[in-house]
C-alpha atoms as a PDB file:
ATOM      1  CA  MET A   1     -34.408 -39.974  78.979  1.00  0.00           C
ATOM      2  CA  GLU A   2     -37.114 -40.399  76.363  1.00  0.00           C
ATOM      3  CA  ILE A   3     -35.861 -41.175  72.865  1.00  0.00           C
ATOM      4  CA  ARG A   4     -36.736 -38.381  70.412  1.00  0.00           C
ATOM      5  CA  ILE A   5     -38.053 -39.325  66.993  1.00  0.00           C
ATOM      6  CA  HIS A   6     -40.291 -37.328  64.673  1.00  0.00           C
ATOM      7  CA  GLU A   7     -43.959 -38.278  64.595  1.00  0.00           C
ATOM      8  CA  PHE A   8     -43.813 -38.826  60.805  1.00  0.00           C
ATOM      9  CA  GLN A   9     -41.004 -41.358  61.283  1.00  0.00           C
ATOM     10  CA  ILE A  10     -42.994 -43.142  63.981  1.00  0.00           C
ATOM     11  CA  SER A  11     -45.938 -43.265  61.581  1.00  0.00           C
ATOM     12  CA  ILE A  12     -43.755 -44.920  58.929  1.00  0.00           C
ATOM     13  CA  LEU A  13     -42.431 -47.507  61.378  1.00  0.00           C
ATOM     14  CA  ARG A  14     -45.953 -48.298  62.527  1.00  0.00           C
ATOM     15  CA  GLU A  15     -47.131 -48.930  58.968  1.00  0.00           C
ATOM     16  CA  LEU A  16     -44.194 -51.257  58.342  1.00  0.00           C
ATOM     17  CA  LEU A  17     -44.989 -53.260  61.490  1.00  0.00           C
ATOM     18  CA  PHE A  18     -48.319 -54.223  59.977  1.00  0.00           C
ATOM     19  CA  LYS A  19     -47.454 -54.079  56.272  1.00  0.00           C
ATOM     20  CA  PRO A  20     -44.024 -55.535  55.354  1.00  0.00           C
ATOM     21  CA  GLN A  21     -42.844 -54.849  51.797  1.00  0.00           C
ATOM     22  CA  ALA A  22     -44.824 -51.606  51.588  1.00  0.00           C
ATOM     23  CA  ARG A  23     -44.826 -49.154  48.696  1.00  0.00           C
ATOM     24  CA  PHE A  24     -44.250 -45.422  49.120  1.00  0.00           C
ATOM     25  CA  ARG A  25     -47.969 -44.660  48.827  1.00  0.00           C
ATOM     26  CA  ASP A  26     -48.722 -47.268  51.510  1.00  0.00           C
ATOM     27  CA  LEU A  27     -46.517 -45.416  53.979  1.00  0.00           C
ATOM     28  CA  LYS A  28     -47.595 -41.842  53.299  1.00  0.00           C
ATOM     29  CA  LYS A  29     -50.472 -41.478  55.740  1.00  0.00           C
ATOM     30  CA  VAL A  30     -49.821 -37.833  56.653  1.00  0.00           C
ATOM     31  CA  ASP A  31     -50.876 -34.709  54.773  1.00  0.00           C
ATOM     32  CA  VAL A  32     -47.493 -33.269  53.760  1.00  0.00           C
ATOM     33  CA  THR A  33     -45.656 -32.828  50.488  1.00  0.00           C
ATOM     34  CA  ASN A  34     -43.851 -35.804  48.954  1.00  0.00           C
ATOM     35  CA  ASP A  35     -40.512 -34.031  49.464  1.00  0.00           C
ATOM     36  CA  HIS A  36     -41.209 -33.480  53.144  1.00  0.00           C
ATOM     37  CA  PHE A  37     -42.293 -37.081  53.643  1.00  0.00           C
ATOM     38  CA  THR A  38     -39.318 -38.395  51.631  1.00  0.00           C
ATOM     39  CA  PHE A  39     -36.956 -36.500  53.941  1.00  0.00           C
ATOM     40  CA  HIS A  40     -38.231 -38.451  56.965  1.00  0.00           C
ATOM     41  CA  LEU A  41     -38.264 -41.758  55.108  1.00  0.00           C
ATOM     42  CA  ASN A  42     -34.651 -41.195  54.048  1.00  0.00           C
ATOM     43  CA  ARG A  43     -33.713 -40.530  57.681  1.00  0.00           C
ATOM     44  CA  LEU A  44     -34.956 -43.987  58.595  1.00  0.00           C
ATOM     45  CA  LEU A  45     -33.055 -45.497  55.662  1.00  0.00           C
ATOM     46  CA  LYS A  46     -29.876 -43.687  56.736  1.00  0.00           C
ATOM     47  CA  GLU A  47     -30.245 -44.873  60.340  1.00  0.00           C
ATOM     48  CA  GLY A  48     -30.541 -48.476  59.134  1.00  0.00           C
ATOM     49  CA  LEU A  49     -34.057 -48.948  60.497  1.00  0.00           C
ATOM     50  CA  VAL A  50     -35.680 -49.309  57.071  1.00  0.00           C
ATOM     51  CA  VAL A  51     -34.409 -50.878  53.856  1.00  0.00           C
ATOM     52  CA  LYS A  52     -35.633 -50.419  50.275  1.00  0.00           C
ATOM     53  CA  THR A  53     -35.605 -53.433  47.951  1.00  0.00           C
ATOM     54  CA  ASP A  54     -37.103 -53.467  44.432  1.00  0.00           C
ATOM     55  CA  GLY A  55     -39.099 -50.334  45.170  1.00  0.00           C
ATOM     56  CA  ARG A  56     -40.616 -51.638  48.387  1.00  0.00           C
ATOM     57  CA  TYR A  57     -39.794 -50.751  51.978  1.00  0.00           C
ATOM     58  CA  SER A  58     -39.424 -53.022  55.000  1.00  0.00           C
ATOM     59  CA  LEU A  59     -37.987 -52.952  58.496  1.00  0.00           C
ATOM     60  CA  THR A  60     -34.434 -54.157  59.079  1.00  0.00           C
ATOM     61  CA  ASP A  61     -33.707 -56.325  62.131  1.00  0.00           C
ATOM     62  CA  GLU A  62     -32.626 -53.148  63.934  1.00  0.00           C
ATOM     63  CA  GLY A  63     -35.843 -51.476  62.801  1.00  0.00           C
ATOM     64  CA  LYS A  64     -37.978 -54.317  64.142  1.00  0.00           C
ATOM     65  CA  GLU A  65     -36.213 -54.139  67.500  1.00  0.00           C
ATOM     66  CA  PHE A  66     -36.667 -50.383  67.634  1.00  0.00           C
ATOM     67  CA  ALA A  67     -40.276 -50.368  66.437  1.00  0.00           C
ATOM     68  CA  LYS A  68     -41.510 -53.013  68.849  1.00  0.00           C
ATOM     69  CA  ARG A  69     -40.915 -50.515  71.668  1.00  0.00           C
ATOM     70  CA  MET A  70     -43.626 -48.298  70.197  1.00  0.00           C
ATOM     71  CA  ASP A  71     -47.112 -47.749  71.493  1.00  0.00           C
ATOM     72  CA  THR A  72     -48.802 -48.232  68.132  1.00  0.00           C
ATOM     73  CA  GLU A  73     -52.043 -46.570  69.283  1.00  0.00           C
ATOM     74  CA  ALA A  74     -50.498 -43.423  70.774  1.00  0.00           C
ATOM     75  CA  LEU A  75     -47.718 -43.343  68.149  1.00  0.00           C
ATOM     76  CA  LYS A  76     -44.887 -42.832  70.622  1.00  0.00           C
ATOM     77  CA  LEU A  77     -42.003 -44.839  72.044  1.00  0.00           C
ATOM     78  CA  GLU A  78     -42.636 -46.521  75.368  1.00  0.00           C
ATOM     79  CA  HIS A  79     -40.487 -45.322  78.280  1.00  0.00           C
ATOM     80  CA  GLN A  80     -39.304 -48.540  79.935  1.00  0.00           C
ATOM     81  CA  ALA A  81     -37.664 -49.373  83.257  1.00  0.00           C
ATOM     82  CA  LYS A  82     -33.885 -49.717  83.407  1.00  0.00           C
ATOM     83  CA  LEU A  83     -32.147 -53.017  84.206  1.00  0.00           C
ATOM     84  CA  GLY A  84     -28.990 -53.249  86.299  1.00  0.00           C
ATOM     85  CA  VAL A  85     -27.024 -55.089  88.977  1.00  0.00           C
ATOM     86  CA  ALA A  86     -26.413 -54.069  92.603  1.00  0.00           C
ATOM     87  CA  LEU A  87     -23.299 -55.491  94.250  1.00  0.00           C
ATOM     88  CA  HIS A  88     -22.814 -55.816  98.010  1.00  0.00           C
ATOM     89  CA  ALA A  89     -19.302 -56.896  98.997  1.00  0.00           C
ATOM     90  CA  VAL A  90     -18.825 -58.226 102.551  1.00  0.00           C
ATOM     91  CA  ARG A  91     -15.679 -59.162 104.500  1.00  0.00           C
ATOM     92  CA  GLU A  92     -14.500 -59.888 108.032  1.00  0.00           C
ATOM     93  CA  LYS A  93     -11.606 -57.787 109.372  1.00  0.00           C
ATOM     94  CA  ASP A  94     -10.316 -58.033 112.952  1.00  0.00           C
ATOM     95  CA  GLY A  95     -13.521 -59.759 113.970  1.00  0.00           C
ATOM     96  CA  VAL A  96     -15.733 -57.023 112.489  1.00  0.00           C
ATOM     97  CA  THR A  97     -18.054 -57.465 109.495  1.00  0.00           C
ATOM     98  CA  GLN A  98     -17.461 -54.743 106.925  1.00  0.00           C
ATOM     99  CA  TYR A  99     -19.455 -53.648 103.886  1.00  0.00           C
ATOM    100  CA  LEU A 100     -17.975 -52.045 100.774  1.00  0.00           C
ATOM    101  CA  ILE A 101     -19.833 -48.778 100.173  1.00  0.00           C
ATOM    102  CA  HIS A 102     -19.652 -46.542  97.111  1.00  0.00           C
ATOM    103  CA  ARG A 103     -19.957 -42.757  97.495  1.00  0.00           C
ATOM    104  CA  ARG A 104     -21.298 -41.472  94.207  1.00  0.00           C
ATOM    105  CA  LEU A 105     -19.436 -38.524  92.634  1.00  0.00           C
ATOM    106  CA  LYS A 106     -21.564 -37.890  89.559  1.00  0.00           C
ATOM    107  CA  GLU A 107     -25.091 -36.755  88.845  1.00  0.00           C
ATOM    108  CA  PRO A 108     -27.779 -37.708  89.495  1.00  0.00           C
ATOM    109  CA  PHE A 109     -27.615 -38.358  93.264  1.00  0.00           C
ATOM    110  CA  TYR A 110     -24.195 -36.757  93.639  1.00  0.00           C
ATOM    111  CA  GLY A 111     -22.760 -37.525  97.088  1.00  0.00           C
ATOM    112  CA  TRP A 112     -25.165 -40.356  97.914  1.00  0.00           C
ATOM    113  CA  TYR A 113     -23.968 -43.679  99.375  1.00  0.00           C
ATOM    114  CA  GLY A 114     -24.893 -47.153  98.239  1.00  0.00           C
ATOM    115  CA  SER A 115     -23.818 -50.376  96.652  1.00  0.00           C
ATOM    116  CA  HIS A 116     -21.797 -50.658  93.480  1.00  0.00           C
ATOM    117  CA  SER A 117     -24.083 -50.931  90.503  1.00  0.00           C
ATOM    118  CA  GLY A 118     -24.169 -50.852  86.731  1.00  0.00           C
ATOM    119  CA  LYS A 119     -26.406 -51.214  83.699  1.00  0.00           C
ATOM    120  CA  ILE A 120     -26.812 -54.602  82.066  1.00  0.00           C
ATOM    121  CA  ARG A 121     -25.568 -54.291  78.502  1.00  0.00           C
ATOM    122  CA  TRP A 122     -27.390 -55.567  75.444  1.00  0.00           C
ATOM    123  CA  GLY A 123     -26.809 -59.342  75.207  1.00  0.00           C
ATOM    124  CA  GLU A 124     -25.121 -59.539  78.628  1.00  0.00           C
ATOM    125  CA  VAL A 125     -26.341 -61.877  81.375  1.00  0.00           C
ATOM    126  CA  PRO A 126     -26.599 -60.398  84.892  1.00  0.00           C
ATOM    127  CA  LEU A 127     -23.736 -62.423  86.398  1.00  0.00           C
ATOM    128  CA  GLU A 128     -21.331 -61.358  83.642  1.00  0.00           C
ATOM    129  CA  CYS A 129     -22.405 -57.757  84.200  1.00  0.00           C
ATOM    130  CA  ALA A 130     -21.914 -58.090  87.964  1.00  0.00           C
ATOM    131  CA  LYS A 131     -18.351 -59.388  87.645  1.00  0.00           C
ATOM    132  CA  ARG A 132     -17.424 -56.800  85.019  1.00  0.00           C
ATOM    133  CA  GLU A 133     -18.859 -53.830  86.903  1.00  0.00           C
ATOM    134  CA  PHE A 134     -17.362 -54.910  90.225  1.00  0.00           C
ATOM    135  CA  PHE A 135     -13.859 -55.242  88.785  1.00  0.00           C
ATOM    136  CA  GLU A 136     -14.098 -51.984  86.811  1.00  0.00           C
ATOM    137  CA  GLU A 137     -15.319 -49.988  89.814  1.00  0.00           C
ATOM    138  CA  THR A 138     -13.220 -51.584  92.572  1.00  0.00           C
ATOM    139  CA  GLY A 139     -10.344 -53.573  91.013  1.00  0.00           C
ATOM    140  CA  LEU A 140     -11.554 -56.561  93.049  1.00  0.00           C
ATOM    141  CA  LYS A 141     -12.848 -60.053  92.348  1.00  0.00           C
ATOM    142  CA  GLY A 142     -14.821 -62.435  94.523  1.00  0.00           C
ATOM    143  CA  ASP A 143     -17.509 -65.070  94.774  1.00  0.00           C
ATOM    144  CA  PHE A 144     -20.913 -63.835  93.577  1.00  0.00           C
ATOM    145  CA  ARG A 145     -24.237 -65.128  94.871  1.00  0.00           C
ATOM    146  CA  LEU A 146     -27.548 -63.904  93.495  1.00  0.00           C
ATOM    147  CA  LYS A 147     -29.737 -62.927  96.442  1.00  0.00           C
ATOM    148  CA  GLY A 148     -32.765 -61.412  94.754  1.00  0.00           C
ATOM    149  CA  ILE A 149     -34.317 -58.788  92.494  1.00  0.00           C
ATOM    150  CA  ILE A 150     -35.368 -55.363  93.744  1.00  0.00           C
ATOM    151  CA  HIS A 151     -37.619 -52.946  91.883  1.00  0.00           C
ATOM    152  CA  TYR A 152     -37.061 -49.300  92.827  1.00  0.00           C
ATOM    153  CA  HIS A 153     -39.364 -46.349  92.241  1.00  0.00           C
ATOM    154  CA  HIS A 154     -37.678 -43.050  93.110  1.00  0.00           C
ATOM    155  CA  LEU A 155     -40.262 -40.278  93.198  1.00  0.00           C
ATOM    156  CA  HIS A 156     -39.858 -36.577  93.868  1.00  0.00           C
ATOM    157  CA  ILE A 157     -41.855 -35.324  96.830  1.00  0.00           C
ATOM    158  CA  ASP A 158     -44.154 -33.577  94.328  1.00  0.00           C
ATOM    159  CA  GLY A 159     -45.070 -36.999  92.912  1.00  0.00           C
ATOM    160  CA  ARG A 160     -42.959 -37.036  89.731  1.00  0.00           C
ATOM    161  CA  LEU A 161     -41.401 -40.410  88.912  1.00  0.00           C
ATOM    162  CA  LEU A 162     -37.640 -39.852  88.604  1.00  0.00           C
ATOM    163  CA  GLU A 163     -36.300 -43.396  88.277  1.00  0.00           C
ATOM    164  CA  ASP A 164     -37.769 -46.820  87.594  1.00  0.00           C
ATOM    165  CA  LYS A 165     -35.153 -49.580  87.955  1.00  0.00           C
ATOM    166  CA  TYR A 166     -34.844 -53.334  88.417  1.00  0.00           C
ATOM    167  CA  PHE A 167     -31.658 -54.625  90.065  1.00  0.00           C
ATOM    168  CA  TRP A 168     -30.296 -58.156  90.197  1.00  0.00           C
ATOM    169  CA  VAL A 169     -28.738 -58.087  93.680  1.00  0.00           C
ATOM    170  CA  TYR A 170     -25.509 -60.004  94.322  1.00  0.00           C
ATOM    171  CA  ARG A 171     -23.577 -60.603  97.526  1.00  0.00           C
ATOM    172  CA  VAL A 172     -19.815 -60.774  96.969  1.00  0.00           C
ATOM    173  CA  ASP A 173     -17.616 -62.739  99.404  1.00  0.00           C
ATOM    174  CA  ASN A 174     -14.004 -63.991  99.492  1.00  0.00           C
ATOM    175  CA  ILE A 175     -12.714 -60.686  98.137  1.00  0.00           C
ATOM    176  CA  LYS A 176      -9.410 -60.721  96.251  1.00  0.00           C
ATOM    177  CA  GLY A 177      -7.279 -57.929  94.773  1.00  0.00           C
ATOM    178  CA  LYS A 178      -6.225 -54.382  95.606  1.00  0.00           C
ATOM    179  CA  LEU A 179      -9.069 -51.943  96.166  1.00  0.00           C
ATOM    180  CA  LYS A 180      -9.313 -48.814  94.048  1.00  0.00           C
ATOM    181  CA  ASP A 181     -10.027 -46.148  96.641  1.00  0.00           C
ATOM    182  CA  LYS A 182     -11.394 -43.790  94.014  1.00  0.00           C
ATOM    183  CA  VAL A 183     -12.637 -44.059  90.426  1.00  0.00           C
ATOM    184  CA  PRO A 184     -14.150 -41.346  88.201  1.00  0.00           C
ATOM    185  CA  GLU A 185     -17.657 -42.311  89.339  1.00  0.00           C
ATOM    186  CA  GLY A 186     -16.929 -42.159  93.081  1.00  0.00           C
ATOM    187  CA  GLU A 187     -15.120 -43.354  96.205  1.00  0.00           C
ATOM    188  CA  ASN A 188     -14.988 -46.885  97.642  1.00  0.00           C
ATOM    189  CA  ILE A 189     -15.040 -47.258 101.434  1.00  0.00           C
ATOM    190  CA  TRP A 190     -15.111 -50.305 103.716  1.00  0.00           C
ATOM    191  CA  MET A 191     -17.543 -49.579 106.572  1.00  0.00           C
ATOM    192  CA  SER A 192     -18.700 -51.300 109.742  1.00  0.00           C
ATOM    193  CA  GLU A 193     -22.401 -51.651 110.514  1.00  0.00           C
ATOM    194  CA  GLU A 194     -22.170 -48.619 112.813  1.00  0.00           C
ATOM    195  CA  ASP A 195     -20.586 -46.477 110.095  1.00  0.00           C
ATOM    196  CA  PHE A 196     -23.197 -47.627 107.579  1.00  0.00           C
ATOM    197  CA  ARG A 197     -26.085 -46.814 109.918  1.00  0.00           C
ATOM    198  CA  ASN A 198     -24.754 -43.281 110.441  1.00  0.00           C
ATOM    199  CA  LEU A 199     -24.961 -42.430 106.717  1.00  0.00           C
ATOM    200  CA  VAL A 200     -27.751 -40.056 105.710  1.00  0.00           C
ATOM    201  CA  ARG A 201     -28.095 -39.912 101.921  1.00  0.00           C
ATOM    202  CA  VAL A 202     -28.349 -43.628 101.119  1.00  0.00           C
ATOM    203  CA  PHE A 203     -30.101 -45.544  98.371  1.00  0.00           C
ATOM    204  CA  ALA A 204     -30.965 -48.310 100.862  1.00  0.00           C
ATOM    205  CA  THR A 205     -30.668 -48.416 104.639  1.00  0.00           C
ATOM    206  CA  PHE A 206     -28.478 -50.963 106.417  1.00  0.00           C
ATOM    207  CA  ASP A 207     -31.523 -52.993 107.440  1.00  0.00           C
ATOM    208  CA  GLU A 208     -32.834 -53.009 103.863  1.00  0.00           C
ATOM    209  CA  VAL A 209     -29.462 -54.236 102.576  1.00  0.00           C
ATOM    210  CA  VAL A 210     -28.944 -57.071 105.076  1.00  0.00           C
ATOM    211  CA  GLU A 211     -32.544 -58.203 104.614  1.00  0.00           C
ATOM    212  CA  VAL A 212     -31.589 -59.166 101.065  1.00  0.00           C
ATOM    213  CA  ILE A 213     -27.928 -60.196 101.234  1.00  0.00           C
ATOM    214  CA  ASN A 214     -28.446 -62.396 104.343  1.00  0.00           C
ATOM    215  CA  SER A 215     -31.609 -64.012 103.051  1.00  0.00           C
ATOM    216  CA  LYS A 216     -31.643 -67.815 102.899  1.00  0.00           C
ATOM    217  CA  SER A 217     -33.698 -67.766  99.706  1.00  0.00           C
ATOM    218  CA  LEU A 218     -34.099 -65.570  96.644  1.00  0.00           C
ATOM    219  CA  VAL A 219     -36.249 -62.532  97.294  1.00  0.00           C
ATOM    220  CA  TYR A 220     -38.233 -60.076  95.199  1.00  0.00           C
ATOM    221  CA  ILE A 221     -38.980 -56.639  96.665  1.00  0.00           C
ATOM    222  CA  ASP A 222     -40.758 -53.527  95.380  1.00  0.00           C
ATOM    223  CA  ARG A 223     -39.499 -50.346  97.043  1.00  0.00           C
ATOM    224  CA  THR A 224     -40.809 -46.810  96.616  1.00  0.00           C
ATOM    225  CA  ARG A 225     -38.925 -43.822  97.947  1.00  0.00           C
ATOM    226  CA  PHE A 226     -39.763 -40.117  97.940  1.00  0.00           C
ATOM    227  CA  ILE A 227     -36.815 -37.729  97.683  1.00  0.00           C
ATOM    228  CA  GLU A 228     -36.389 -33.952  97.698  1.00  0.00           C
ATOM    229  CA  SER A 229     -33.552 -33.691  95.169  1.00  0.00           C
ATOM    230  CA  TYR A 230     -32.277 -35.691  92.235  1.00  0.00           C
END
């Protein structure tokens, strides 16, 4: 979802990117009353994005991080791709290879099947994220091997871009622990190749999954998919 911020506040942040230690008159580039402009400047001060020292304004560290996401020409925040991990757990049971599949029970994509996944938190490295998400969603631990990075574009059939995501893809072997059959986000199910192939609403087909997790080297793949519902 696009971050909402008033155009006057974006204008202030832009000025401070190019003019640190600015005075009030340096920042007021819009034709509004001083009271109206002061309201928006105070909002930025309250949010900790701007600081006032000896009558001059500058960006805080948080403000610099926030402002660098701006398109300074169009005066709007850039909408950027999301970063996450995708986790494919594999085991052998009674001579059959099984894959741990997650049935999603929240929007968007309610009822779809796929790998376990999660967003990479600020300051977190992908492997730490992978281990944390896997344990939280399954109650299991294992040995993690990075197999590649996949870039997904999910588009509606009318052409609208719905999701833009990069996943660090891990294969998880030597599984240990007691599986949580169900968590608030969905259900966890061990499936054979046949069961997997019979699924309909999947984020990636069986062949797409094994192409990555059985690869002998790291892979990078761009995948675009058109869907009817989100």
